[in-house]
Amino acid sequence: MKILKQISTHKAIKHGNLITIYANGFNVNTIAPDGSKLFNSDDVTKYPHWFKDEPLYSIPASHEDDLFAIFERLKENNLYNLAEINA
């Protein structure tokens, strides 16, 4: 298992002959802009699925060159979503 590419919201991990794209789960140690913690230990117990990486899809390992385009699209989607939230 090897991380091939990673951004703040997604990562690509090679598993044998496949590369799986994951949406990153929340980090329990995330700090809000005001300096407070966003999550506490109870959240991990109550909502464990929030903190697990979610596999989205897989591509053949022979298509590793496609990761650049895939992650560029993910970055664009992140910017679009951020603009939608802030609008």
PDB file of N, CA and C in Angstrom:
ATOM      1  N   MET A   1       0.859  -1.181   0.000  1.00  0.00           N
ATOM      2  CA  MET A   1       0.000   0.000   0.000  1.00  0.00           C
ATOM      3  C   MET A   1       0.899   1.236   0.000  1.00  0.00           C
ATOM      4  N   LYS A   2       0.685   2.103  -0.986  1.00  0.00           N
ATOM      5  CA  LYS A   2       1.519   3.280  -1.134  1.00  0.00           C
ATOM      6  C   LYS A   2       0.657   4.460  -1.573  1.00  0.00           C
ATOM      7  N   ILE A   3       0.791   5.596  -0.880  1.00  0.00           N
ATOM      8  CA  ILE A   3       0.076   6.806  -1.293  1.00  0.00           C
ATOM      9  C   ILE A   3       0.819   7.402  -2.483  1.00  0.00           C
ATOM     10  N   LEU A   4       0.126   7.513  -3.608  1.00  0.00           N
ATOM     11  CA  LEU A   4       0.733   8.033  -4.832  1.00  0.00           C
ATOM     12  C   LEU A   4       0.532   9.531  -4.982  1.00  0.00           C
ATOM     13  N   LYS A   5      -0.626  10.020  -4.565  1.00  0.00           N
ATOM     14  CA  LYS A   5      -0.943  11.439  -4.696  1.00  0.00           C
ATOM     15  C   LYS A   5      -1.933  11.783  -3.596  1.00  0.00           C
ATOM     16  N   GLN A   6      -1.816  13.018  -3.071  1.00  0.00           N
ATOM     17  CA  GLN A   6      -2.697  13.409  -1.973  1.00  0.00           C
ATOM     18  C   GLN A   6      -2.898  14.919  -1.988  1.00  0.00           C
ATOM     19  N   ILE A   7      -4.141  15.327  -1.743  1.00  0.00           N
ATOM     20  CA  ILE A   7      -4.480  16.724  -1.493  1.00  0.00           C
ATOM     21  C   ILE A   7      -5.247  16.753  -0.181  1.00  0.00           C
ATOM     22  N   SER A   8      -5.698  17.897   0.242  1.00  0.00           N
ATOM     23  CA  SER A   8      -6.338  17.993   1.552  1.00  0.00           C
ATOM     24  C   SER A   8      -7.624  17.172   1.665  1.00  0.00           C
ATOM     25  N   THR A   9      -8.284  16.900   0.559  1.00  0.00           N
ATOM     26  CA  THR A   9      -9.573  16.216   0.616  1.00  0.00           C
ATOM     27  C   THR A   9      -9.580  14.804   0.055  1.00  0.00           C
ATOM     28  N   HIS A  10      -8.565  14.435  -0.707  1.00  0.00           N
ATOM     29  CA  HIS A  10      -8.539  13.137  -1.374  1.00  0.00           C
ATOM     30  C   HIS A  10      -7.122  12.578  -1.415  1.00  0.00           C
ATOM     31  N   LYS A  11      -7.056  11.265  -1.634  1.00  0.00           N
ATOM     32  CA  LYS A  11      -5.748  10.628  -1.827  1.00  0.00           C
ATOM     33  C   LYS A  11      -5.913   9.415  -2.726  1.00  0.00           C
ATOM     34  N   ALA A  12      -4.817   9.052  -3.379  1.00  0.00           N
ATOM     35  CA  ALA A  12      -4.764   7.877  -4.244  1.00  0.00           C
ATOM     36  C   ALA A  12      -3.772   6.892  -3.634  1.00  0.00           C
ATOM     37  N   ILE A  13      -4.243   5.664  -3.422  1.00  0.00           N
ATOM     38  CA  ILE A  13      -3.411   4.631  -2.813  1.00  0.00           C
ATOM     39  C   ILE A  13      -3.345   3.434  -3.751  1.00  0.00           C
ATOM     40  N   LYS A  14      -2.115   2.957  -3.964  1.00  0.00           N
ATOM     41  CA  LYS A  14      -1.915   1.796  -4.832  1.00  0.00           C
ATOM     42  C   LYS A  14      -2.014   0.524  -4.007  1.00  0.00           C
ATOM     43  N   HIS A  15      -2.886  -0.381  -4.456  1.00  0.00           N
ATOM     44  CA  HIS A  15      -3.069  -1.699  -3.858  1.00  0.00           C
ATOM     45  C   HIS A  15      -2.845  -2.727  -4.965  1.00  0.00           C
ATOM     46  N   GLY A  16      -1.657  -3.241  -5.076  1.00  0.00           N
ATOM     47  CA  GLY A  16      -1.385  -4.234  -6.116  1.00  0.00           C
ATOM     48  C   GLY A  16      -1.580  -3.663  -7.507  1.00  0.00           C
ATOM     49  N   ASN A  17      -2.548  -4.216  -8.257  1.00  0.00           N
ATOM     50  CA  ASN A  17      -2.794  -3.795  -9.640  1.00  0.00           C
ATOM     51  C   ASN A  17      -3.837  -2.684  -9.745  1.00  0.00           C
ATOM     52  N   LEU A  18      -4.300  -2.152  -8.616  1.00  0.00           N
ATOM     53  CA  LEU A  18      -5.311  -1.097  -8.628  1.00  0.00           C
ATOM     54  C   LEU A  18      -4.831   0.124  -7.872  1.00  0.00           C
ATOM     55  N   ILE A  19      -5.337   1.275  -8.290  1.00  0.00           N
ATOM     56  CA  ILE A  19      -5.150   2.530  -7.558  1.00  0.00           C
ATOM     57  C   ILE A  19      -6.539   2.967  -7.133  1.00  0.00           C
ATOM     58  N   THR A  20      -6.736   3.130  -5.839  1.00  0.00           N
ATOM     59  CA  THR A  20      -8.030   3.534  -5.314  1.00  0.00           C
ATOM     60  C   THR A  20      -7.983   4.984  -4.891  1.00  0.00           C
ATOM     61  N   ILE A  21      -8.995   5.740  -5.308  1.00  0.00           N
ATOM     62  CA  ILE A  21      -9.141   7.148  -4.938  1.00  0.00           C
ATOM     63  C   ILE A  21     -10.055   7.196  -3.727  1.00  0.00           C
ATOM     64  N   TYR A  22      -9.602   7.869  -2.667  1.00  0.00           N
ATOM     65  CA  TYR A  22     -10.357   7.976  -1.413  1.00  0.00           C
ATOM     66  C   TYR A  22     -10.697   9.431  -1.123  1.00  0.00           C
ATOM     67  N   ALA A  23     -11.857   9.635  -0.520  1.00  0.00           N
ATOM     68  CA  ALA A  23     -12.183  10.916   0.096  1.00  0.00           C
ATOM     69  C   ALA A  23     -11.680  10.817   1.528  1.00  0.00           C
ATOM     70  N   ASN A  24     -10.898  11.790   1.961  1.00  0.00           N
ATOM     71  CA  ASN A  24     -10.335  11.747   3.310  1.00  0.00           C
ATOM     72  C   ASN A  24     -11.418  11.937   4.361  1.00  0.00           C
ATOM     73  N   GLY A  25     -11.333  11.156   5.422  1.00  0.00           N
ATOM     74  CA  GLY A  25     -12.203  11.363   6.570  1.00  0.00           C
ATOM     75  C   GLY A  25     -11.711  12.571   7.361  1.00  0.00           C
ATOM     76  N   PHE A  26     -12.540  13.050   8.277  1.00  0.00           N
ATOM     77  CA  PHE A  26     -12.140  14.181   9.112  1.00  0.00           C
ATOM     78  C   PHE A  26     -10.978  13.802  10.014  1.00  0.00           C
ATOM     79  N   ASN A  27     -10.135  14.760  10.327  1.00  0.00           N
ATOM     80  CA  ASN A  27      -9.039  14.577  11.268  1.00  0.00           C
ATOM     81  C   ASN A  27      -9.532  15.040  12.636  1.00  0.00           C
ATOM     82  N   VAL A  28      -9.467  14.171  13.628  1.00  0.00           N
ATOM     83  CA  VAL A  28      -9.984  14.486  14.965  1.00  0.00           C
ATOM     84  C   VAL A  28      -9.255  15.674  15.593  1.00  0.00           C
ATOM     85  N   ASN A  29      -8.041  15.980  15.135  1.00  0.00           N
ATOM     86  CA  ASN A  29      -7.254  17.075  15.705  1.00  0.00           C
ATOM     87  C   ASN A  29      -7.412  18.400  14.950  1.00  0.00           C
ATOM     88  N   THR A  30      -8.403  18.498  14.083  1.00  0.00           N
ATOM     89  CA  THR A  30      -8.600  19.711  13.294  1.00  0.00           C
ATOM     90  C   THR A  30      -8.920  20.897  14.204  1.00  0.00           C
ATOM     91  N   ILE A  31      -8.281  22.011  13.913  1.00  0.00           N
ATOM     92  CA  ILE A  31      -8.463  23.241  14.694  1.00  0.00           C
ATOM     93  C   ILE A  31      -9.275  24.243  13.872  1.00  0.00           C
ATOM     94  N   ALA A  32     -10.273  24.843  14.488  1.00  0.00           N
ATOM     95  CA  ALA A  32     -11.102  25.864  13.842  1.00  0.00           C
ATOM     96  C   ALA A  32     -10.311  27.171  13.745  1.00  0.00           C
ATOM     97  N   PRO A  33     -10.748  28.100  12.885  1.00  0.00           N
ATOM     98  CA  PRO A  33     -10.041  29.385  12.755  1.00  0.00           C
ATOM     99  C   PRO A  33      -9.913  30.155  14.072  1.00  0.00           C
ATOM    100  N   ASP A  34     -10.856  29.943  14.997  1.00  0.00           N
ATOM    101  CA  ASP A  34     -10.777  30.649  16.287  1.00  0.00           C
ATOM    102  C   ASP A  34      -9.855  29.957  17.287  1.00  0.00           C
ATOM    103  N   GLY A  35      -9.217  28.841  16.878  1.00  0.00           N
ATOM    104  CA  GLY A  35      -8.268  28.146  17.745  1.00  0.00           C
ATOM    105  C   GLY A  35      -8.861  27.002  18.548  1.00  0.00           C
ATOM    106  N   SER A  36     -10.167  26.816  18.493  1.00  0.00           N
ATOM    107  CA  SER A  36     -10.797  25.717  19.228  1.00  0.00           C
ATOM    108  C   SER A  36     -10.767  24.433  18.397  1.00  0.00           C
ATOM    109  N   LYS A  37     -10.868  23.299  19.071  1.00  0.00           N
ATOM    110  CA  LYS A  37     -10.912  22.019  18.368  1.00  0.00           C
ATOM    111  C   LYS A  37     -12.312  21.825  17.792  1.00  0.00           C
ATOM    112  N   LEU A  38     -12.386  21.320  16.567  1.00  0.00           N
ATOM    113  CA  LEU A  38     -13.683  21.072  15.941  1.00  0.00           C
ATOM    114  C   LEU A  38     -14.337  19.802  16.468  1.00  0.00           C
ATOM    115  N   PHE A  39     -13.543  18.823  16.836  1.00  0.00           N
ATOM    116  CA  PHE A  39     -14.067  17.530  17.265  1.00  0.00           C
ATOM    117  C   PHE A  39     -13.501  17.163  18.621  1.00  0.00           C
ATOM    118  N   ASN A  40     -14.250  16.332  19.345  1.00  0.00           N
ATOM    119  CA  ASN A  40     -13.740  15.802  20.613  1.00  0.00           C
ATOM    120  C   ASN A  40     -13.780  14.276  20.563  1.00  0.00           C
ATOM    121  N   SER A  41     -13.294  13.649  21.597  1.00  0.00           N
ATOM    122  CA  SER A  41     -13.200  12.187  21.588  1.00  0.00           C
ATOM    123  C   SER A  41     -14.574  11.533  21.539  1.00  0.00           C
ATOM    124  N   ASP A  42     -15.607  12.198  22.050  1.00  0.00           N
ATOM    125  CA  ASP A  42     -16.959  11.644  21.968  1.00  0.00           C
ATOM    126  C   ASP A  42     -17.430  11.548  20.519  1.00  0.00           C
ATOM    127  N   ASP A  43     -17.015  12.490  19.688  1.00  0.00           N
ATOM    128  CA  ASP A  43     -17.412  12.466  18.286  1.00  0.00           C
ATOM    129  C   ASP A  43     -16.892  11.216  17.582  1.00  0.00           C
ATOM    130  N   VAL A  44     -15.682  10.809  17.921  1.00  0.00           N
ATOM    131  CA  VAL A  44     -15.097   9.611  17.301  1.00  0.00           C
ATOM    132  C   VAL A  44     -15.913   8.383  17.683  1.00  0.00           C
ATOM    133  N   THR A  45     -16.397   8.347  18.912  1.00  0.00           N
ATOM    134  CA  THR A  45     -17.200   7.223  19.379  1.00  0.00           C
ATOM    135  C   THR A  45     -18.600   7.256  18.774  1.00  0.00           C
ATOM    136  N   LYS A  46     -19.211   8.443  18.748  1.00  0.00           N
ATOM    137  CA  LYS A  46     -20.583   8.573  18.244  1.00  0.00           C
ATOM    138  C   LYS A  46     -20.676   8.474  16.729  1.00  0.00           C
ATOM    139  N   TYR A  47     -19.699   9.032  16.037  1.00  0.00           N
ATOM    140  CA  TYR A  47     -19.744   9.135  14.583  1.00  0.00           C
ATOM    141  C   TYR A  47     -18.458   8.609  13.945  1.00  0.00           C
ATOM    142  N   PRO A  48     -18.122   7.340  14.138  1.00  0.00           N
ATOM    143  CA  PRO A  48     -16.844   6.832  13.622  1.00  0.00           C
ATOM    144  C   PRO A  48     -16.721   6.941  12.104  1.00  0.00           C
ATOM    145  N   HIS A  49     -17.831   6.903  11.397  1.00  0.00           N
ATOM    146  CA  HIS A  49     -17.790   6.989   9.934  1.00  0.00           C
ATOM    147  C   HIS A  49     -17.302   8.355   9.449  1.00  0.00           C
ATOM    148  N   TRP A  50     -17.406   9.393  10.263  1.00  0.00           N
ATOM    149  CA  TRP A  50     -16.905  10.720   9.881  1.00  0.00           C
ATOM    150  C   TRP A  50     -15.388  10.717   9.710  1.00  0.00           C
ATOM    151  N   PHE A  51     -14.700   9.840  10.424  1.00  0.00           N
ATOM    152  CA  PHE A  51     -13.242   9.877  10.508  1.00  0.00           C
ATOM    153  C   PHE A  51     -12.561   8.802   9.663  1.00  0.00           C
ATOM    154  N   LYS A  52     -13.342   8.039   8.904  1.00  0.00           N
ATOM    155  CA  LYS A  52     -12.781   7.001   8.047  1.00  0.00           C
ATOM    156  C   LYS A  52     -12.686   7.509   6.619  1.00  0.00           C
ATOM    157  N   ASP A  53     -11.607   7.124   5.936  1.00  0.00           N
ATOM    158  CA  ASP A  53     -11.471   7.448   4.519  1.00  0.00           C
ATOM    159  C   ASP A  53     -12.486   6.617   3.732  1.00  0.00           C
ATOM    160  N   GLU A  54     -13.128   7.256   2.757  1.00  0.00           N
ATOM    161  CA  GLU A  54     -14.145   6.573   1.968  1.00  0.00           C
ATOM    162  C   GLU A  54     -13.612   6.283   0.562  1.00  0.00           C
ATOM    163  N   PRO A  55     -13.559   5.008   0.177  1.00  0.00           N
ATOM    164  CA  PRO A  55     -13.114   4.700  -1.186  1.00  0.00           C
ATOM    165  C   PRO A  55     -14.175   5.160  -2.190  1.00  0.00           C
ATOM    166  N   LEU A  56     -13.755   5.884  -3.214  1.00  0.00           N
ATOM    167  CA  LEU A  56     -14.692   6.393  -4.212  1.00  0.00           C
ATOM    168  C   LEU A  56     -14.712   5.513  -5.455  1.00  0.00           C
ATOM    169  N   TYR A  57     -13.547   5.246  -6.008  1.00  0.00           N
ATOM    170  CA  TYR A  57     -13.455   4.385  -7.181  1.00  0.00           C
ATOM    171  C   TYR A  57     -12.007   3.957  -7.370  1.00  0.00           C
ATOM    172  N   SER A  58     -11.813   2.988  -8.252  1.00  0.00           N
ATOM    173  CA  SER A  58     -10.472   2.472  -8.533  1.00  0.00           C
ATOM    174  C   SER A  58     -10.193   2.556 -10.022  1.00  0.00           C
ATOM    175  N   ILE A  59      -8.912   2.679 -10.327  1.00  0.00           N
ATOM    176  CA  ILE A  59      -8.447   2.640 -11.705  1.00  0.00           C
ATOM    177  C   ILE A  59      -7.313   1.616 -11.773  1.00  0.00           C
ATOM    178  N   PRO A  60      -7.042   1.074 -12.957  1.00  0.00           N
ATOM    179  CA  PRO A  60      -5.916   0.137 -13.075  1.00  0.00           C
ATOM    180  C   PRO A  60      -4.598   0.855 -12.766  1.00  0.00           C
ATOM    181  N   ALA A  61      -3.671   0.152 -12.162  1.00  0.00           N
ATOM    182  CA  ALA A  61      -2.369   0.728 -11.819  1.00  0.00           C
ATOM    183  C   ALA A  61      -1.626   1.193 -13.066  1.00  0.00           C
ATOM    184  N   SER A  62      -1.935   0.604 -14.194  1.00  0.00           N
ATOM    185  CA  SER A  62      -1.285   1.008 -15.444  1.00  0.00           C
ATOM    186  C   SER A  62      -1.719   2.415 -15.882  1.00  0.00           C
ATOM    187  N   HIS A  63      -2.759   2.959 -15.272  1.00  0.00           N
ATOM    188  CA  HIS A  63      -3.255   4.299 -15.602  1.00  0.00           C
ATOM    189  C   HIS A  63      -2.787   5.347 -14.589  1.00  0.00           C
ATOM    190  N   GLU A  64      -1.679   5.086 -13.943  1.00  0.00           N
ATOM    191  CA  GLU A  64      -1.159   6.003 -12.921  1.00  0.00           C
ATOM    192  C   GLU A  64      -0.948   7.419 -13.471  1.00  0.00           C
ATOM    193  N   ASP A  65      -0.637   7.538 -14.743  1.00  0.00           N
ATOM    194  CA  ASP A  65      -0.449   8.861 -15.354  1.00  0.00           C
ATOM    195  C   ASP A  65      -1.722   9.703 -15.330  1.00  0.00           C
ATOM    196  N   ASP A  66      -2.875   9.063 -15.188  1.00  0.00           N
ATOM    197  CA  ASP A  66      -4.150   9.783 -15.145  1.00  0.00           C
ATOM    198  C   ASP A  66      -4.374  10.497 -13.814  1.00  0.00           C
ATOM    199  N   LEU A  67      -3.572  10.189 -12.816  1.00  0.00           N
ATOM    200  CA  LEU A  67      -3.778  10.790 -11.493  1.00  0.00           C
ATOM    201  C   LEU A  67      -3.655  12.312 -11.514  1.00  0.00           C
ATOM    202  N   PHE A  68      -2.752  12.829 -12.341  1.00  0.00           N
ATOM    203  CA  PHE A  68      -2.603  14.278 -12.412  1.00  0.00           C
ATOM    204  C   PHE A  68      -3.923  14.923 -12.826  1.00  0.00           C
ATOM    205  N   ALA A  69      -4.538  14.431 -13.887  1.00  0.00           N
ATOM    206  CA  ALA A  69      -5.814  14.994 -14.366  1.00  0.00           C
ATOM    207  C   ALA A  69      -6.932  14.776 -13.353  1.00  0.00           C
ATOM    208  N   ILE A  70      -6.961  13.613 -12.737  1.00  0.00           N
ATOM    209  CA  ILE A  70      -8.007  13.321 -11.744  1.00  0.00           C
ATOM    210  C   ILE A  70      -7.902  14.300 -10.580  1.00  0.00           C
ATOM    211  N   PHE A  71      -6.693  14.525 -10.087  1.00  0.00           N
ATOM    212  CA  PHE A  71      -6.531  15.402  -8.933  1.00  0.00           C
ATOM    213  C   PHE A  71      -6.698  16.875  -9.294  1.00  0.00           C
ATOM    214  N   GLU A  72      -6.389  17.245 -10.517  1.00  0.00           N
ATOM    215  CA  GLU A  72      -6.677  18.616 -10.958  1.00  0.00           C
ATOM    216  C   GLU A  72      -8.183  18.853 -10.958  1.00  0.00           C
ATOM    217  N   ARG A  73      -8.942  17.872 -11.422  1.00  0.00           N
ATOM    218  CA  ARG A  73     -10.407  17.979 -11.423  1.00  0.00           C
ATOM    219  C   ARG A  73     -10.950  18.043  -9.994  1.00  0.00           C
ATOM    220  N   LEU A  74     -10.391  17.243  -9.101  1.00  0.00           N
ATOM    221  CA  LEU A  74     -10.821  17.276  -7.701  1.00  0.00           C
ATOM    222  C   LEU A  74     -10.533  18.642  -7.076  1.00  0.00           C
ATOM    223  N   LYS A  75      -9.370  19.222  -7.388  1.00  0.00           N
ATOM    224  CA  LYS A  75      -9.039  20.557  -6.868  1.00  0.00           C
ATOM    225  C   LYS A  75     -10.021  21.594  -7.401  1.00  0.00           C
ATOM    226  N   GLU A  76     -10.352  21.516  -8.688  1.00  0.00           N
ATOM    227  CA  GLU A  76     -11.324  22.446  -9.268  1.00  0.00           C
ATOM    228  C   GLU A  76     -12.684  22.301  -8.602  1.00  0.00           C
ATOM    229  N   ASN A  77     -13.097  21.064  -8.361  1.00  0.00           N
ATOM    230  CA  ASN A  77     -14.374  20.828  -7.675  1.00  0.00           C
ATOM    231  C   ASN A  77     -14.351  21.403  -6.273  1.00  0.00           C
ATOM    232  N   ASN A  78     -13.226  21.271  -5.590  1.00  0.00           N
ATOM    233  CA  ASN A  78     -13.105  21.837  -4.241  1.00  0.00           C
ATOM    234  C   ASN A  78     -13.259  23.353  -4.281  1.00  0.00           C
ATOM    235  N   LEU A  79     -12.610  24.003  -5.253  1.00  0.00           N
ATOM    236  CA  LEU A  79     -12.726  25.460  -5.381  1.00  0.00           C
ATOM    237  C   LEU A  79     -14.153  25.880  -5.707  1.00  0.00           C
ATOM    238  N   TYR A  80     -14.800  25.133  -6.590  1.00  0.00           N
ATOM    239  CA  TYR A  80     -16.183  25.428  -6.949  1.00  0.00           C
ATOM    240  C   TYR A  80     -17.085  25.301  -5.726  1.00  0.00           C
ATOM    241  N   ASN A  81     -16.925  24.200  -4.977  1.00  0.00           N
ATOM    242  CA  ASN A  81     -17.748  23.987  -3.779  1.00  0.00           C
ATOM    243  C   ASN A  81     -17.507  25.073  -2.730  1.00  0.00           C
ATOM    244  N   LEU A  82     -16.266  25.477  -2.574  1.00  0.00           N
ATOM    245  CA  LEU A  82     -15.939  26.526  -1.622  1.00  0.00           C
ATOM    246  C   LEU A  82     -16.586  27.848  -2.038  1.00  0.00           C
ATOM    247  N   ALA A  83     -16.560  28.146  -3.335  1.00  0.00           N
ATOM    248  CA  ALA A  83     -17.198  29.366  -3.832  1.00  0.00           C
ATOM    249  C   ALA A  83     -18.706  29.319  -3.606  1.00  0.00           C
ATOM    250  N   GLU A  84     -19.306  28.152  -3.795  1.00  0.00           N
ATOM    251  CA  GLU A  84     -20.748  27.996  -3.560  1.00  0.00           C
ATOM    252  C   GLU A  84     -21.104  28.252  -2.100  1.00  0.00           C
ATOM    253  N   ILE A  85     -20.285  27.738  -1.213  1.00  0.00           N
ATOM    254  CA  ILE A  85     -20.537  27.922   0.224  1.00  0.00           C
ATOM    255  C   ILE A  85     -20.395  29.378   0.621  1.00  0.00           C
ATOM    256  N   ASN A  86     -19.396  30.059   0.066  1.00  0.00           N
ATOM    257  CA  ASN A  86     -19.115  31.451   0.444  1.00  0.00           C
ATOM    258  C   ASN A  86     -19.987  32.470  -0.271  1.00  0.00           C
ATOM    259  N   ALA A  87     -20.752  32.038  -1.266  1.00  0.00           N
ATOM    260  CA  ALA A  87     -21.558  32.982  -2.050  1.00  0.00           C
ATOM    261  C   ALA A  87     -22.772  33.481  -1.297  1.00  0.00           C
TER     262      ALA A  87
END
